[in-house]
PDB file of all heavy atoms in Angstrom:
ATOM      1  N   MET A   1      36.131  65.326  62.822  1.00  0.00           N
ATOM      2  CA  MET A   1      35.068  64.371  62.520  1.00  0.00           C
ATOM      3  C   MET A   1      35.527  62.951  62.821  1.00  0.00           C
ATOM      4  O   MET A   1      34.771  62.134  63.378  1.00  0.00           O
ATOM      5  CB  MET A   1      34.665  64.487  61.051  1.00  0.00           C
ATOM      6  CG  MET A   1      34.000  65.783  60.667  1.00  0.00           C
ATOM      7  SD  MET A   1      33.573  65.741  58.902  1.00  0.00           S
ATOM      8  CE  MET A   1      33.120  67.442  58.635  1.00  0.00           C
ATOM      9  N   ALA A   2      36.769  62.634  62.440  1.00  0.00           N
ATOM     10  CA  ALA A   2      37.297  61.297  62.680  1.00  0.00           C
ATOM     11  C   ALA A   2      37.350  60.989  64.177  1.00  0.00           C
ATOM     12  O   ALA A   2      37.005  59.887  64.612  1.00  0.00           O
ATOM     13  CB  ALA A   2      38.684  61.162  62.056  1.00  0.00           C
ATOM     14  N   GLU A   3      37.765  61.963  64.956  1.00  0.00           N
ATOM     15  CA  GLU A   3      37.817  61.762  66.404  1.00  0.00           C
ATOM     16  C   GLU A   3      36.420  61.554  66.978  1.00  0.00           C
ATOM     17  O   GLU A   3      36.233  60.731  67.886  1.00  0.00           O
ATOM     18  CB  GLU A   3      38.504  62.959  67.058  1.00  0.00           C
ATOM     19  CG  GLU A   3      39.998  63.043  66.750  1.00  0.00           C
ATOM     20  CD  GLU A   3      40.612  64.354  67.212  1.00  0.00           C
ATOM     21  OE1 GLU A   3      39.880  65.173  67.817  1.00  0.00           O
ATOM     22  OE2 GLU A   3      41.820  64.563  66.963  1.00  0.00           O
ATOM     23  N   ASP A   4      35.439  62.281  66.466  1.00  0.00           N
ATOM     24  CA  ASP A   4      34.066  62.101  66.926  1.00  0.00           C
ATOM     25  C   ASP A   4      33.555  60.692  66.620  1.00  0.00           C
ATOM     26  O   ASP A   4      32.667  60.179  67.315  1.00  0.00           O
ATOM     27  CB  ASP A   4      33.141  63.127  66.268  1.00  0.00           C
ATOM     28  CG  ASP A   4      33.375  64.542  66.793  1.00  0.00           C
ATOM     29  OD1 ASP A   4      33.996  64.682  67.866  1.00  0.00           O
ATOM     30  OD2 ASP A   4      32.953  65.495  66.106  1.00  0.00           O
ATOM     31  N   MET A   5      34.112  60.058  65.582  1.00  0.00           N
ATOM     32  CA  MET A   5      33.741  58.688  65.240  1.00  0.00           C
ATOM     33  C   MET A   5      34.533  57.652  66.027  1.00  0.00           C
ATOM     34  O   MET A   5      34.319  56.452  65.869  1.00  0.00           O
ATOM     35  CB  MET A   5      33.951  58.450  63.737  1.00  0.00           C
ATOM     36  CG  MET A   5      33.044  59.247  62.834  1.00  0.00           C
ATOM     37  SD  MET A   5      33.408  58.898  61.088  1.00  0.00           S
ATOM     38  CE  MET A   5      32.307  60.075  60.270  1.00  0.00           C
ATOM     39  N   GLY A   6      35.466  58.133  66.855  1.00  0.00           N
ATOM     40  CA  GLY A   6      36.244  57.211  67.676  1.00  0.00           C
ATOM     41  C   GLY A   6      37.552  56.752  67.063  1.00  0.00           C
ATOM     42  O   GLY A   6      38.156  55.784  67.545  1.00  0.00           O
ATOM     43  N   MET A   7      38.023  57.450  66.023  1.00  0.00           N
ATOM     44  CA  MET A   7      39.286  57.084  65.388  1.00  0.00           C
ATOM     45  C   MET A   7      40.468  57.719  66.126  1.00  0.00           C
ATOM     46  O   MET A   7      40.337  58.778  66.748  1.00  0.00           O
ATOM     47  CB  MET A   7      39.328  57.544  63.927  1.00  0.00           C
ATOM     48  CG  MET A   7      38.116  57.195  63.112  1.00  0.00           C
ATOM     49  SD  MET A   7      37.849  55.423  62.979  1.00  0.00           S
ATOM     50  CE  MET A   7      36.270  55.431  62.121  1.00  0.00           C
ATOM     51  N   GLU A   8      41.617  57.088  66.010  1.00  0.00           N
ATOM     52  CA  GLU A   8      42.865  57.706  66.422  1.00  0.00           C
ATOM     53  C   GLU A   8      43.318  58.632  65.295  1.00  0.00           C
ATOM     54  O   GLU A   8      43.226  58.278  64.120  1.00  0.00           O
ATOM     55  CB  GLU A   8      43.931  56.658  66.683  1.00  0.00           C
ATOM     56  CG  GLU A   8      43.615  55.684  67.799  1.00  0.00           C
ATOM     57  CD  GLU A   8      44.711  54.651  67.951  1.00  0.00           C
ATOM     58  OE1 GLU A   8      45.896  54.987  67.726  1.00  0.00           O
ATOM     59  OE2 GLU A   8      44.386  53.502  68.296  1.00  0.00           O
ATOM     60  N   THR A   9      43.803  59.814  65.653  1.00  0.00           N
ATOM     61  CA  THR A   9      44.238  60.756  64.629  1.00  0.00           C
ATOM     62  C   THR A   9      45.604  61.312  64.973  1.00  0.00           C
ATOM     63  O   THR A   9      46.078  61.214  66.106  1.00  0.00           O
ATOM     64  CB  THR A   9      43.244  61.928  64.487  1.00  0.00           C
ATOM     65  OG1 THR A   9      43.233  62.692  65.701  1.00  0.00           O
ATOM     66  CG2 THR A   9      41.837  61.436  64.193  1.00  0.00           C
ATOM     67  N   GLY A  10      46.239  61.905  63.987  1.00  0.00           N
ATOM     68  CA  GLY A  10      47.525  62.536  64.210  1.00  0.00           C
ATOM     69  C   GLY A  10      47.876  63.447  63.055  1.00  0.00           C
ATOM     70  O   GLY A  10      47.247  63.412  61.991  1.00  0.00           O
ATOM     71  N   VAL A  11      48.889  64.279  63.273  1.00  0.00           N
ATOM     72  CA  VAL A  11      49.374  65.206  62.254  1.00  0.00           C
ATOM     73  C   VAL A  11      50.892  65.122  62.231  1.00  0.00           C
ATOM     74  O   VAL A  11      51.536  65.098  63.285  1.00  0.00           O
ATOM     75  CB  VAL A  11      48.936  66.657  62.537  1.00  0.00           C
ATOM     76  CG1 VAL A  11      49.514  67.612  61.498  1.00  0.00           C
ATOM     77  CG2 VAL A  11      47.414  66.759  62.565  1.00  0.00           C
ATOM     78  N   CYS A  12      51.458  65.057  61.043  1.00  0.00           N
ATOM     79  CA  CYS A  12      52.909  64.982  60.891  1.00  0.00           C
ATOM     80  C   CYS A  12      53.423  66.272  60.247  1.00  0.00           C
ATOM     81  O   CYS A  12      53.005  66.620  59.133  1.00  0.00           O
ATOM     82  CB  CYS A  12      53.285  63.776  60.025  1.00  0.00           C
ATOM     83  SG  CYS A  12      55.052  63.596  59.718  1.00  0.00           S
ATOM     84  N   ASP A  13      54.292  66.965  60.945  1.00  0.00           N
ATOM     85  CA  ASP A  13      54.977  68.139  60.401  1.00  0.00           C
ATOM     86  C   ASP A  13      54.002  69.207  59.924  1.00  0.00           C
ATOM     87  O   ASP A  13      54.333  69.999  59.035  1.00  0.00           O
ATOM     88  CB  ASP A  13      55.908  67.697  59.248  1.00  0.00           C
ATOM     89  CG  ASP A  13      56.969  68.734  58.920  1.00  0.00           C
ATOM     90  OD1 ASP A  13      57.336  69.522  59.816  1.00  0.00           O
ATOM     91  OD2 ASP A  13      57.417  68.770  57.758  1.00  0.00           O
ATOM     92  N   ASP A  14      52.809  69.221  60.491  1.00  0.00           N
ATOM     93  CA  ASP A  14      51.771  70.192  60.124  1.00  0.00           C
ATOM     94  C   ASP A  14      51.357  70.095  58.658  1.00  0.00           C
ATOM     95  O   ASP A  14      50.685  71.002  58.144  1.00  0.00           O
ATOM     96  CB  ASP A  14      52.228  71.628  60.427  1.00  0.00           C
ATOM     97  CG  ASP A  14      52.353  71.886  61.918  1.00  0.00           C
ATOM     98  OD1 ASP A  14      51.489  71.420  62.668  1.00  0.00           O
ATOM     99  OD2 ASP A  14      53.344  72.542  62.320  1.00  0.00           O
ATOM    100  N   ARG A  15      51.732  69.002  57.996  1.00  0.00           N
ATOM    101  CA  ARG A  15      51.464  68.867  56.566  1.00  0.00           C
ATOM    102  C   ARG A  15      50.502  67.726  56.238  1.00  0.00           C
ATOM    103  O   ARG A  15      49.721  67.823  55.300  1.00  0.00           O
ATOM    104  CB  ARG A  15      52.777  68.645  55.793  1.00  0.00           C
ATOM    105  CG  ARG A  15      53.770  69.783  55.935  1.00  0.00           C
ATOM    106  CD  ARG A  15      55.111  69.445  55.298  1.00  0.00           C
ATOM    107  NE  ARG A  15      56.097  70.491  55.541  1.00  0.00           N
ATOM    108  CZ  ARG A  15      56.263  71.558  54.764  1.00  0.00           C
ATOM    109  NH1 ARG A  15      55.517  71.694  53.682  1.00  0.00           N
ATOM    110  NH2 ARG A  15      57.166  72.470  55.054  1.00  0.00           N
ATOM    111  N   VAL A  16      50.599  66.662  56.963  1.00  0.00           N
ATOM    112  CA  VAL A  16      49.837  65.447  56.660  1.00  0.00           C
ATOM    113  C   VAL A  16      49.103  65.009  57.921  1.00  0.00           C
ATOM    114  O   VAL A  16      49.686  64.960  59.002  1.00  0.00           O
ATOM    115  CB  VAL A  16      50.760  64.314  56.182  1.00  0.00           C
ATOM    116  CG1 VAL A  16      49.948  63.045  55.910  1.00  0.00           C
ATOM    117  CG2 VAL A  16      51.516  64.741  54.932  1.00  0.00           C
ATOM    118  N   GLY A  17      47.844  64.681  57.789  1.00  0.00           N
ATOM    119  CA  GLY A  17      47.084  64.148  58.907  1.00  0.00           C
ATOM    120  C   GLY A  17      46.594  62.750  58.588  1.00  0.00           C
ATOM    121  O   GLY A  17      46.536  62.340  57.428  1.00  0.00           O
ATOM    122  N   TRP A  18      46.230  62.009  59.630  1.00  0.00           N
ATOM    123  CA  TRP A  18      45.704  60.674  59.401  1.00  0.00           C
ATOM    124  C   TRP A  18      44.672  60.333  60.470  1.00  0.00           C
ATOM    125  O   TRP A  18      44.678  60.866  61.580  1.00  0.00           O
ATOM    126  CB  TRP A  18      46.818  59.628  59.377  1.00  0.00           C
ATOM    127  CG  TRP A  18      47.474  59.391  60.713  1.00  0.00           C
ATOM    128  CD1 TRP A  18      47.077  58.527  61.702  1.00  0.00           C
ATOM    129  CD2 TRP A  18      48.643  60.046  61.214  1.00  0.00           C
ATOM    130  NE1 TRP A  18      47.922  58.603  62.769  1.00  0.00           N
ATOM    131  CE2 TRP A  18      48.904  59.521  62.501  1.00  0.00           C
ATOM    132  CE3 TRP A  18      49.494  61.027  60.695  1.00  0.00           C
ATOM    133  CZ2 TRP A  18      49.972  59.957  63.276  1.00  0.00           C
ATOM    134  CZ3 TRP A  18      50.557  61.456  61.472  1.00  0.00           C
ATOM    135  CH2 TRP A  18      50.792  60.920  62.740  1.00  0.00           C
ATOM    136  N   ALA A  19      43.774  59.452  60.082  1.00  0.00           N
ATOM    137  CA  ALA A  19      42.832  58.837  61.008  1.00  0.00           C
ATOM    138  C   ALA A  19      43.002  57.337  60.832  1.00  0.00           C
ATOM    139  O   ALA A  19      43.083  56.847  59.706  1.00  0.00           O
ATOM    140  CB  ALA A  19      41.401  59.250  60.682  1.00  0.00           C
ATOM    141  N   GLN A  20      43.082  56.624  61.943  1.00  0.00           N
ATOM    142  CA  GLN A  20      43.365  55.199  61.818  1.00  0.00           C
ATOM    143  C   GLN A  20      42.518  54.359  62.744  1.00  0.00           C
ATOM    144  O   GLN A  20      42.036  54.805  63.784  1.00  0.00           O
ATOM    145  CB  GLN A  20      44.840  54.915  62.095  1.00  0.00           C
ATOM    146  CG  GLN A  20      45.293  55.149  63.525  1.00  0.00           C
ATOM    147  CD  GLN A  20      46.761  54.798  63.717  1.00  0.00           C
ATOM    148  OE1 GLN A  20      47.489  54.554  62.770  1.00  0.00           O
ATOM    149  NE2 GLN A  20      47.195  54.761  64.954  1.00  0.00           N
ATOM    150  N   LEU A  21      42.342  53.125  62.302  1.00  0.00           N
ATOM    151  CA  LEU A  21      41.675  52.093  63.068  1.00  0.00           C
ATOM    152  C   LEU A  21      42.647  50.928  63.137  1.00  0.00           C
ATOM    153  O   LEU A  21      43.054  50.397  62.102  1.00  0.00           O
ATOM    154  CB  LEU A  21      40.375  51.676  62.354  1.00  0.00           C
ATOM    155  CG  LEU A  21      39.441  50.724  63.070  1.00  0.00           C
ATOM    156  CD1 LEU A  21      38.958  51.325  64.378  1.00  0.00           C
ATOM    157  CD2 LEU A  21      38.264  50.378  62.175  1.00  0.00           C
ATOM    158  N   ARG A  22      43.042  50.570  64.320  1.00  0.00           N
ATOM    159  CA  ARG A  22      44.076  49.550  64.470  1.00  0.00           C
ATOM    160  C   ARG A  22      43.549  48.173  64.080  1.00  0.00           C
ATOM    161  O   ARG A  22      42.425  47.807  64.411  1.00  0.00           O
ATOM    162  CB  ARG A  22      44.603  49.522  65.905  1.00  0.00           C
ATOM    163  CG  ARG A  22      45.386  50.774  66.262  1.00  0.00           C
ATOM    164  CD  ARG A  22      46.076  50.645  67.607  1.00  0.00           C
ATOM    165  NE  ARG A  22      46.807  51.872  67.913  1.00  0.00           N
ATOM    166  CZ  ARG A  22      48.050  52.103  67.526  1.00  0.00           C
ATOM    167  NH1 ARG A  22      48.695  51.188  66.818  1.00  0.00           N
ATOM    168  NH2 ARG A  22      48.654  53.240  67.842  1.00  0.00           N
ATOM    169  N   GLY A  23      44.389  47.412  63.380  1.00  0.00           N
ATOM    170  CA  GLY A  23      44.054  46.051  62.999  1.00  0.00           C
ATOM    171  C   GLY A  23      44.463  45.063  64.066  1.00  0.00           C
ATOM    172  O   GLY A  23      44.769  45.425  65.211  1.00  0.00           O
ATOM    173  N   GLU A  24      44.516  43.779  63.698  1.00  0.00           N
ATOM    174  CA  GLU A  24      44.794  42.738  64.666  1.00  0.00           C
ATOM    175  C   GLU A  24      46.258  42.713  65.099  1.00  0.00           C
ATOM    176  O   GLU A  24      46.569  42.543  66.268  1.00  0.00           O
ATOM    177  CB  GLU A  24      44.399  41.376  64.094  1.00  0.00           C
ATOM    178  CG  GLU A  24      42.886  41.220  63.924  1.00  0.00           C
ATOM    179  CD  GLU A  24      42.514  39.850  63.411  1.00  0.00           C
ATOM    180  OE1 GLU A  24      43.339  39.241  62.695  1.00  0.00           O
ATOM    181  OE2 GLU A  24      41.415  39.378  63.727  1.00  0.00           O
ATOM    182  N   SER A  25      47.166  42.881  64.156  1.00  0.00           N
ATOM    183  CA  SER A  25      48.581  42.735  64.489  1.00  0.00           C
ATOM    184  C   SER A  25      49.226  44.057  64.885  1.00  0.00           C
ATOM    185  O   SER A  25      50.131  44.091  65.711  1.00  0.00           O
ATOM    186  CB  SER A  25      49.349  42.135  63.299  1.00  0.00           C
ATOM    187  OG  SER A  25      49.412  43.068  62.238  1.00  0.00           O
ATOM    188  N   GLY A  26      48.774  45.147  64.284  1.00  0.00           N
ATOM    189  CA  GLY A  26      49.398  46.432  64.543  1.00  0.00           C
ATOM    190  C   GLY A  26      50.733  46.606  63.855  1.00  0.00           C
ATOM    191  O   GLY A  26      51.399  47.623  64.014  1.00  0.00           O
ATOM    192  N   GLU A  27      51.144  45.625  63.047  1.00  0.00           N
ATOM    193  CA  GLU A  27      52.458  45.665  62.412  1.00  0.00           C
ATOM    194  C   GLU A  27      52.391  46.118  60.960  1.00  0.00           C
ATOM    195  O   GLU A  27      53.375  46.615  60.423  1.00  0.00           O
ATOM    196  CB  GLU A  27      53.115  44.287  62.494  1.00  0.00           C
ATOM    197  CG  GLU A  27      53.367  43.823  63.933  1.00  0.00           C
ATOM    198  CD  GLU A  27      53.943  42.428  63.985  1.00  0.00           C
ATOM    199  OE1 GLU A  27      54.046  41.797  62.916  1.00  0.00           O
ATOM    200  OE2 GLU A  27      54.288  41.963  65.087  1.00  0.00           O
ATOM    201  N   LYS A  28      51.255  45.913  60.302  1.00  0.00           N
ATOM    202  CA  LYS A  28      51.120  46.275  58.897  1.00  0.00           C
ATOM    203  C   LYS A  28      50.001  47.294  58.758  1.00  0.00           C
ATOM    204  O   LYS A  28      49.070  47.341  59.561  1.00  0.00           O
ATOM    205  CB  LYS A  28      50.827  45.044  58.046  1.00  0.00           C
ATOM    206  CG  LYS A  28      51.959  44.034  58.017  1.00  0.00           C
ATOM    207  CD  LYS A  28      51.621  42.868  57.103  1.00  0.00           C
ATOM    208  CE  LYS A  28      52.772  41.874  57.032  1.00  0.00           C
ATOM    209  NZ  LYS A  28      52.465  40.734  56.139  1.00  0.00           N
ATOM    210  N   HIS A  29      50.112  48.109  57.718  1.00  0.00           N
ATOM    211  CA  HIS A  29      49.123  49.158  57.489  1.00  0.00           C
ATOM    212  C   HIS A  29      48.535  49.021  56.083  1.00  0.00           C
ATOM    213  O   HIS A  29      49.255  48.745  55.120  1.00  0.00           O
ATOM    214  CB  HIS A  29      49.761  50.548  57.630  1.00  0.00           C
ATOM    215  CG  HIS A  29      50.199  50.869  59.016  1.00  0.00           C
ATOM    216  ND1 HIS A  29      51.355  50.382  59.563  1.00  0.00           N
ATOM    217  CD2 HIS A  29      49.619  51.628  59.989  1.00  0.00           C
ATOM    218  CE1 HIS A  29      51.489  50.837  60.800  1.00  0.00           C
ATOM    219  NE2 HIS A  29      50.462  51.587  61.077  1.00  0.00           N
ATOM    220  N   LEU A  30      47.253  49.206  55.999  1.00  0.00           N
ATOM    221  CA  LEU A  30      46.564  49.337  54.722  1.00  0.00           C
ATOM    222  C   LEU A  30      45.995  50.742  54.690  1.00  0.00           C
ATOM    223  O   LEU A  30      45.190  51.108  55.554  1.00  0.00           O
ATOM    224  CB  LEU A  30      45.443  48.296  54.602  1.00  0.00           C
ATOM    225  CG  LEU A  30      44.562  48.393  53.350  1.00  0.00           C
ATOM    226  CD1 LEU A  30      45.399  48.179  52.104  1.00  0.00           C
ATOM    227  CD2 LEU A  30      43.427  47.386  53.438  1.00  0.00           C
ATOM    228  N   ALA A  31      46.435  51.540  53.743  1.00  0.00           N
ATOM    229  CA  ALA A  31      46.096  52.959  53.761  1.00  0.00           C
ATOM    230  C   ALA A  31      45.384  53.387  52.485  1.00  0.00           C
ATOM    231  O   ALA A  31      45.639  52.856  51.408  1.00  0.00           O
ATOM    232  CB  ALA A  31      47.359  53.797  53.942  1.00  0.00           C
ATOM    233  N   THR A  32      44.475  54.337  52.634  1.00  0.00           N
ATOM    234  CA  THR A  32      43.949  55.083  51.493  1.00  0.00           C
ATOM    235  C   THR A  32      44.489  56.500  51.618  1.00  0.00           C
ATOM    236  O   THR A  32      44.394  57.103  52.686  1.00  0.00           O
ATOM    237  CB  THR A  32      42.405  55.097  51.490  1.00  0.00           C
ATOM    238  OG1 THR A  32      41.933  55.659  52.713  1.00  0.00           O
ATOM    239  CG2 THR A  32      41.855  53.701  51.335  1.00  0.00           C
ATOM    240  N   VAL A  33      45.058  56.999  50.553  1.00  0.00           N
ATOM    241  CA  VAL A  33      45.700  58.308  50.573  1.00  0.00           C
ATOM    242  C   VAL A  33      44.857  59.278  49.754  1.00  0.00           C
ATOM    243  O   VAL A  33      44.606  59.050  48.562  1.00  0.00           O
ATOM    244  CB  VAL A  33      47.137  58.233  50.014  1.00  0.00           C
ATOM    245  CG1 VAL A  33      47.801  59.610  50.072  1.00  0.00           C
ATOM    246  CG2 VAL A  33      47.963  57.207  50.796  1.00  0.00           C
ATOM    247  N   THR A  34      44.404  60.345  50.390  1.00  0.00           N
ATOM    248  CA  THR A  34      43.575  61.344  49.714  1.00  0.00           C
ATOM    249  C   THR A  34      44.107  62.737  50.040  1.00  0.00           C
ATOM    250  O   THR A  34      45.070  62.882  50.791  1.00  0.00           O
ATOM    251  CB  THR A  34      42.101  61.239  50.164  1.00  0.00           C
ATOM    252  OG1 THR A  34      42.016  61.581  51.563  1.00  0.00           O
ATOM    253  CG2 THR A  34      41.563  59.834  49.966  1.00  0.00           C
ATOM    254  N   HIS A  35      43.480  63.751  49.478  1.00  0.00           N
ATOM    255  CA  HIS A  35      43.888  65.123  49.790  1.00  0.00           C
ATOM    256  C   HIS A  35      42.661  65.998  49.944  1.00  0.00           C
ATOM    257  O   HIS A  35      41.588  65.719  49.385  1.00  0.00           O
ATOM    258  CB  HIS A  35      44.819  65.693  48.701  1.00  0.00           C
ATOM    259  CG  HIS A  35      44.173  65.828  47.360  1.00  0.00           C
ATOM    260  ND1 HIS A  35      43.487  66.964  46.981  1.00  0.00           N
ATOM    261  CD2 HIS A  35      44.104  64.977  46.305  1.00  0.00           C
ATOM    262  CE1 HIS A  35      43.030  66.813  45.748  1.00  0.00           C
ATOM    263  NE2 HIS A  35      43.379  65.612  45.316  1.00  0.00           N
ATOM    264  N   LEU A  36      42.815  67.071  50.718  1.00  0.00           N
ATOM    265  CA  LEU A  36      41.693  67.961  51.026  1.00  0.00           C
ATOM    266  C   LEU A  36      41.869  69.359  50.446  1.00  0.00           C
ATOM    267  O   LEU A  36      40.982  70.211  50.616  1.00  0.00           O
ATOM    268  CB  LEU A  36      41.510  68.061  52.548  1.00  0.00           C
ATOM    269  CG  LEU A  36      41.155  66.755  53.256  1.00  0.00           C
ATOM    270  CD1 LEU A  36      41.208  66.939  54.772  1.00  0.00           C
ATOM    271  CD2 LEU A  36      39.782  66.263  52.829  1.00  0.00           C
ATOM    272  N   ASP A  37      42.988  69.616  49.791  1.00  0.00           N
ATOM    273  CA  ASP A  37      43.163  70.918  49.154  1.00  0.00           C
ATOM    274  C   ASP A  37      42.478  70.909  47.799  1.00  0.00           C
ATOM    275  O   ASP A  37      42.208  69.851  47.228  1.00  0.00           O
ATOM    276  CB  ASP A  37      44.656  71.246  49.005  1.00  0.00           C
ATOM    277  CG  ASP A  37      45.369  70.247  48.112  1.00  0.00           C
ATOM    278  OD1 ASP A  37      45.148  69.022  48.300  1.00  0.00           O
ATOM    279  OD2 ASP A  37      46.135  70.662  47.222  1.00  0.00           O
ATOM    280  N   VAL A  38      42.169  72.089  47.297  1.00  0.00           N
ATOM    281  CA  VAL A  38      41.528  72.220  45.987  1.00  0.00           C
ATOM    282  C   VAL A  38      42.223  73.331  45.209  1.00  0.00           C
ATOM    283  O   VAL A  38      42.880  74.199  45.788  1.00  0.00           O
ATOM    284  CB  VAL A  38      40.019  72.547  46.115  1.00  0.00           C
ATOM    285  CG1 VAL A  38      39.271  71.395  46.746  1.00  0.00           C
ATOM    286  CG2 VAL A  38      39.793  73.837  46.908  1.00  0.00           C
ATOM    287  N   VAL A  39      42.059  73.291  43.905  1.00  0.00           N
ATOM    288  CA  VAL A  39      42.538  74.393  43.070  1.00  0.00           C
ATOM    289  C   VAL A  39      41.488  75.494  43.086  1.00  0.00           C
ATOM    290  O   VAL A  39      40.330  75.262  43.456  1.00  0.00           O
ATOM    291  CB  VAL A  39      42.819  73.919  41.625  1.00  0.00           C
ATOM    292  CG1 VAL A  39      43.913  72.878  41.613  1.00  0.00           C
ATOM    293  CG2 VAL A  39      41.560  73.358  40.977  1.00  0.00           C
ATOM    294  N   PRO A  40      41.846  76.722  42.704  1.00  0.00           N
ATOM    295  CA  PRO A  40      40.852  77.802  42.694  1.00  0.00           C
ATOM    296  C   PRO A  40      39.613  77.432  41.894  1.00  0.00           C
ATOM    297  O   PRO A  40      39.680  76.689  40.908  1.00  0.00           O
ATOM    298  CB  PRO A  40      41.614  78.960  42.057  1.00  0.00           C
ATOM    299  CG  PRO A  40      43.060  78.683  42.395  1.00  0.00           C
ATOM    300  CD  PRO A  40      43.193  77.192  42.333  1.00  0.00           C
ATOM    301  N   ALA A  41      38.468  77.944  42.328  1.00  0.00           N
ATOM    302  CA  ALA A  41      37.189  77.533  41.748  1.00  0.00           C
ATOM    303  C   ALA A  41      37.050  77.926  40.283  1.00  0.00           C
ATOM    304  O   ALA A  41      36.426  77.218  39.498  1.00  0.00           O
ATOM    305  CB  ALA A  41      36.041  78.129  42.563  1.00  0.00           C
ATOM    306  N   GLY A  42      37.620  79.049  39.883  1.00  0.00           N
ATOM    307  CA  GLY A  42      37.488  79.469  38.495  1.00  0.00           C
ATOM    308  C   GLY A  42      36.090  79.975  38.171  1.00  0.00           C
ATOM    309  O   GLY A  42      35.267  80.220  39.059  1.00  0.00           O
ATOM    310  N   LYS A  43      35.806  80.112  36.895  1.00  0.00           N
ATOM    311  CA  LYS A  43      34.533  80.678  36.437  1.00  0.00           C
ATOM    312  C   LYS A  43      33.590  79.569  35.967  1.00  0.00           C
ATOM    313  O   LYS A  43      33.977  78.438  35.786  1.00  0.00           O
ATOM    314  CB  LYS A  43      34.789  81.664  35.290  1.00  0.00           C
ATOM    315  CG  LYS A  43      35.681  82.845  35.678  1.00  0.00           C
ATOM    316  CD  LYS A  43      35.916  83.759  34.478  1.00  0.00           C
ATOM    317  CE  LYS A  43      36.804  84.936  34.864  1.00  0.00           C
ATOM    318  NZ  LYS A  43      37.058  85.842  33.705  1.00  0.00           N
ATOM    319  N   GLY A  44      32.338  79.950  35.761  1.00  0.00           N
ATOM    320  CA  GLY A  44      31.368  79.041  35.186  1.00  0.00           C
ATOM    321  C   GLY A  44      30.442  78.370  36.173  1.00  0.00           C
ATOM    322  O   GLY A  44      29.568  77.596  35.775  1.00  0.00           O
ATOM    323  N   TRP A  45      30.603  78.665  37.451  1.00  0.00           N
ATOM    324  CA  TRP A  45      29.733  78.063  38.459  1.00  0.00           C
ATOM    325  C   TRP A  45      28.372  78.746  38.461  1.00  0.00           C
ATOM    326  O   TRP A  45      28.279  79.966  38.387  1.00  0.00           O
ATOM    327  CB  TRP A  45      30.362  78.176  39.840  1.00  0.00           C
ATOM    328  CG  TRP A  45      31.562  77.305  40.027  1.00  0.00           C
ATOM    329  CD1 TRP A  45      32.844  77.584  39.667  1.00  0.00           C
ATOM    330  CD2 TRP A  45      31.582  76.006  40.616  1.00  0.00           C
ATOM    331  NE1 TRP A  45      33.672  76.538  39.987  1.00  0.00           N
ATOM    332  CE2 TRP A  45      32.921  75.553  40.582  1.00  0.00           C
ATOM    333  CE3 TRP A  45      30.611  75.184  41.186  1.00  0.00           C
ATOM    334  CZ2 TRP A  45      33.301  74.314  41.079  1.00  0.00           C
ATOM    335  CZ3 TRP A  45      30.985  73.946  41.686  1.00  0.00           C
ATOM    336  CH2 TRP A  45      32.319  73.516  41.630  1.00  0.00           C
TER     337      TRP A  45
END
């Protein structure tokens, strides 16, 4: 999805992925860190 929006993407060690938009300097990063895994759904749904 990120690539379809025109972002640069990458994967590190098959564990962490990122989508980025380069800033003016390219020297500093401002990041939001999230996760896409979930715990088992459990009961009650």
